[in-house]
Protein backbone atom coordinates (compact mmCIF):
# COMPACT_ATOMS: atom_id res chain seq x y z
CA MET A 1 -30.15 -6.19 -24.53
CA SER A 2 -27.95 -9.31 -23.82
CA ARG A 3 -24.63 -7.59 -24.81
CA ARG A 4 -25.06 -4.59 -22.37
CA LEU A 5 -25.98 -6.67 -19.83
CA PHE A 6 -22.69 -9.42 -20.24
CA LEU A 7 -20.37 -5.95 -20.55
CA TRP A 8 -22.12 -4.80 -16.60
CA ILE A 9 -21.36 -7.93 -15.24
CA VAL A 10 -17.50 -7.84 -16.88
CA ILE A 11 -17.35 -4.28 -15.40
CA VAL A 12 -18.41 -5.73 -11.89
CA VAL A 13 -16.22 -8.31 -11.64
CA LEU A 14 -13.59 -6.79 -12.86
CA PHE A 15 -14.13 -4.08 -10.51
CA ILE A 16 -14.44 -6.79 -7.57
CA ALA A 17 -11.42 -8.46 -8.28
CA VAL A 18 -9.35 -4.77 -8.47
CA LEU A 19 -10.99 -4.06 -4.99
CA TYR A 20 -9.89 -7.76 -3.49
CA LEU A 21 -6.14 -6.83 -5.05
CA THR A 22 -5.85 -3.60 -3.40
CA PHE A 23 -7.01 -4.23 -0.25
CA LEU A 24 -7.12 -8.07 0.68
CA ALA A 25 -3.93 -9.42 -1.03
CA GLY A 26 -2.19 -5.81 -0.60
CA SER A 27 -2.33 -5.80 3.18
CA SER A 28 -0.21 -8.72 3.97
CA THR A 29 2.19 -7.03 2.03
CA ALA A 30 1.68 -3.64 3.39
CA GLN A 31 2.12 -4.99 6.77
CA GLY A 32 5.31 -6.13 6.17
CA ALA A 33 6.74 -3.03 4.21
CA ILE A 34 5.17 -0.81 7.27
CA GLN A 35 6.70 -3.00 9.80
CA ALA A 36 10.73 -2.89 7.73
CA SER A 37 10.16 1.13 7.35
CA VAL A 38 9.17 1.60 11.09
CA SER A 39 12.49 -0.44 12.42
CA SER A 40 14.54 0.99 9.75
CA LYS A 41 13.54 4.48 10.82
CA SER A 42 14.10 3.87 14.57
CA ALA A 43 17.63 2.44 13.76
CA ALA A 44 18.34 5.52 11.75
CA ALA A 45 17.28 7.52 15.08
CA THR A 46 19.06 6.04 17.36
CA SER A 47 22.41 5.33 15.53
CA SER A 48 23.56 8.76 14.28
CA TYR A 49 22.63 12.47 15.34
CA GLY A 50 24.34 14.72 13.78
CA GLY A 51 22.37 17.96 15.76
CA MET A 52 20.83 20.95 14.07
CA VAL A 53 21.75 21.06 10.22
CA GLY A 54 20.94 24.63 8.32
CA GLY A 55 20.66 26.15 11.79
CA CYS A 56 21.91 30.13 12.07
């Protein structure tokens, strides 16, 4: 019985660690990536507009 309890405790601890790394630690990295993506899209939209591509 104690071995099964120990395994469940290990599983729960690993699950909580994955959640922490996914949401809390990844949020700071995600904000930087979102800001970089938005700035590059706005720069690309303003710098070159080639009109309609592939239209009739």
